[in-house]
C-alpha atoms as a PDB file:
ATOM      1  CA  MET A   1     -71.388  13.092 -30.929  1.00  0.00           C
ATOM      2  CA  ALA A   2     -72.511  16.646 -30.374  1.00  0.00           C
ATOM      3  CA  ALA A   3     -75.735  18.371 -31.342  1.00  0.00           C
ATOM      4  CA  LEU A   4     -75.422  22.124 -31.860  1.00  0.00           C
ATOM      5  CA  ASP A   5     -76.412  24.733 -34.416  1.00  0.00           C
ATOM      6  CA  PHE A   6     -72.988  24.725 -36.108  1.00  0.00           C
ATOM      7  CA  ASP A   7     -73.993  26.840 -39.102  1.00  0.00           C
ATOM      8  CA  GLY A   8     -76.215  29.398 -37.341  1.00  0.00           C
ATOM      9  CA  ASP A   9     -79.385  28.635 -39.329  1.00  0.00           C
ATOM     10  CA  GLY A  10     -81.529  27.949 -36.252  1.00  0.00           C
ATOM     11  CA  LYS A  11     -81.626  24.166 -36.828  1.00  0.00           C
ATOM     12  CA  MET A  12     -79.776  21.623 -34.738  1.00  0.00           C
ATOM     13  CA  ASP A  13     -76.894  19.916 -36.550  1.00  0.00           C
ATOM     14  CA  LEU A  14     -75.063  16.766 -35.542  1.00  0.00           C
ATOM     15  CA  ALA A  15     -71.299  16.200 -35.418  1.00  0.00           C
ATOM     16  CA  VAL A  16     -70.199  12.559 -35.376  1.00  0.00           C
ATOM     17  CA  VAL A  17     -66.636  11.500 -34.586  1.00  0.00           C
ATOM     18  CA  ALA A  18     -65.337   8.481 -36.519  1.00  0.00           C
ATOM     19  CA  SER A  19     -62.046   7.812 -34.782  1.00  0.00           C
ATOM     20  CA  GLN A  20     -60.431   5.597 -37.430  1.00  0.00           C
ATOM     21  CA  ASP A  21     -62.060   6.996 -40.578  1.00  0.00           C
ATOM     22  CA  ASP A  22     -59.591   7.848 -43.293  1.00  0.00           C
ATOM     23  CA  SER A  23     -61.770   6.809 -46.244  1.00  0.00           C
ATOM     24  CA  GLY A  24     -62.098  10.299 -47.668  1.00  0.00           C
ATOM     25  CA  ASN A  25     -58.599  11.406 -46.810  1.00  0.00           C
ATOM     26  CA  ALA A  26     -56.867  11.507 -50.192  1.00  0.00           C
ATOM     27  CA  CYS A  27     -53.521  12.549 -48.757  1.00  0.00           C
ATOM     28  CA  SER A  28     -51.736   9.212 -48.392  1.00  0.00           C
ATOM     29  CA  PRO A  29     -51.334   6.131 -46.199  1.00  0.00           C
ATOM     30  CA  ALA A  30     -49.199   8.369 -44.000  1.00  0.00           C
ATOM     31  CA  ARG A  31     -52.489   9.498 -42.463  1.00  0.00           C
ATOM     32  CA  THR A  32     -53.999   6.066 -41.798  1.00  0.00           C
ATOM     33  CA  ASN A  33     -56.406   6.109 -38.836  1.00  0.00           C
ATOM     34  CA  SER A  34     -56.281   9.886 -38.579  1.00  0.00           C
ATOM     35  CA  GLY A  35     -60.005   9.962 -37.824  1.00  0.00           C
ATOM     36  CA  ALA A  36     -62.749  12.310 -38.956  1.00  0.00           C
ATOM     37  CA  VAL A  37     -65.593  14.490 -37.726  1.00  0.00           C
ATOM     38  CA  HIS A  38     -68.665  14.463 -39.964  1.00  0.00           C
ATOM     39  CA  VAL A  39     -71.215  17.288 -39.591  1.00  0.00           C
ATOM     40  CA  PHE A  40     -74.796  16.611 -40.696  1.00  0.00           C
ATOM     41  CA  ARG A  41     -76.993  19.704 -41.113  1.00  0.00           C
ATOM     42  CA  GLY A  42     -80.457  19.933 -39.624  1.00  0.00           C
ATOM     43  CA  GLN A  43     -83.283  20.008 -42.173  1.00  0.00           C
ATOM     44  CA  ASP A  44     -86.508  22.025 -42.414  1.00  0.00           C
ATOM     45  CA  GLY A  45     -89.254  20.157 -40.597  1.00  0.00           C
ATOM     46  CA  GLY A  46     -86.768  18.187 -38.473  1.00  0.00           C
ATOM     47  CA  GLY A  47     -84.373  15.384 -39.245  1.00  0.00           C
ATOM     48  CA  LEU A  48     -80.843  15.509 -40.565  1.00  0.00           C
ATOM     49  CA  ALA A  49     -79.158  15.482 -43.946  1.00  0.00           C
ATOM     50  CA  THR A  50     -78.356  11.937 -45.074  1.00  0.00           C
ATOM     51  CA  THR A  51     -74.802  12.835 -46.096  1.00  0.00           C
ATOM     52  CA  PRO A  52     -72.328  15.016 -44.213  1.00  0.00           C
ATOM     53  CA  SER A  53     -72.319  18.679 -45.154  1.00  0.00           C
ATOM     54  CA  PHE A  54     -68.751  19.024 -43.896  1.00  0.00           C
ATOM     55  CA  THR A  55     -66.008  16.606 -42.881  1.00  0.00           C
ATOM     56  CA  TYR A  56     -62.778  17.366 -41.045  1.00  0.00           C
ATOM     57  CA  TRP A  57     -60.047  14.716 -41.171  1.00  0.00           C
ATOM     58  CA  GLY A  58     -57.309  14.486 -38.568  1.00  0.00           C
ATOM     59  CA  GLU A  59     -53.921  15.821 -39.518  1.00  0.00           C
ATOM     60  CA  GLN A  60     -51.712  12.973 -38.292  1.00  0.00           C
ATOM     61  CA  ALA A  61     -51.563   9.214 -38.807  1.00  0.00           C
ATOM     62  CA  SER A  62     -52.972   7.208 -35.898  1.00  0.00           C
ATOM     63  CA  GLN A  63     -54.370  10.391 -34.391  1.00  0.00           C
ATOM     64  CA  LEU A  64     -57.650   8.556 -33.718  1.00  0.00           C
ATOM     65  CA  LEU A  65     -59.500  11.850 -33.661  1.00  0.00           C
ATOM     66  CA  ARG A  66     -61.780  10.792 -30.804  1.00  0.00           C
ATOM     67  CA  TYR A  67     -59.042  11.744 -28.366  1.00  0.00           C
ATOM     68  CA  SER A  68     -58.475  15.216 -29.756  1.00  0.00           C
ATOM     69  CA  ALA A  69     -61.825  16.368 -31.154  1.00  0.00           C
ATOM     70  CA  ARG A  70     -62.859  19.638 -29.586  1.00  0.00           C
ATOM     71  CA  LEU A  71     -65.980  21.616 -30.370  1.00  0.00           C
ATOM     72  CA  ALA A  72     -65.885  25.374 -29.915  1.00  0.00           C
ATOM     73  CA  THR A  73     -69.161  27.079 -29.069  1.00  0.00           C
END
């Protein structure tokens, strides 16, 4: 997990790595266990969005994104 202002709106956002998530990856079984990073935007008055505002899925099967997720600041 990482808490940063990813979208520059002045509110802290949260990125959560789900190493084996491929539920939203519509590509094919060839990407099973590619992993995902889900970004939840910070809300006015505190708290976080209840659904991810952005999701990045790994590019390779069995990538298990936890090992290769990098956050650029």
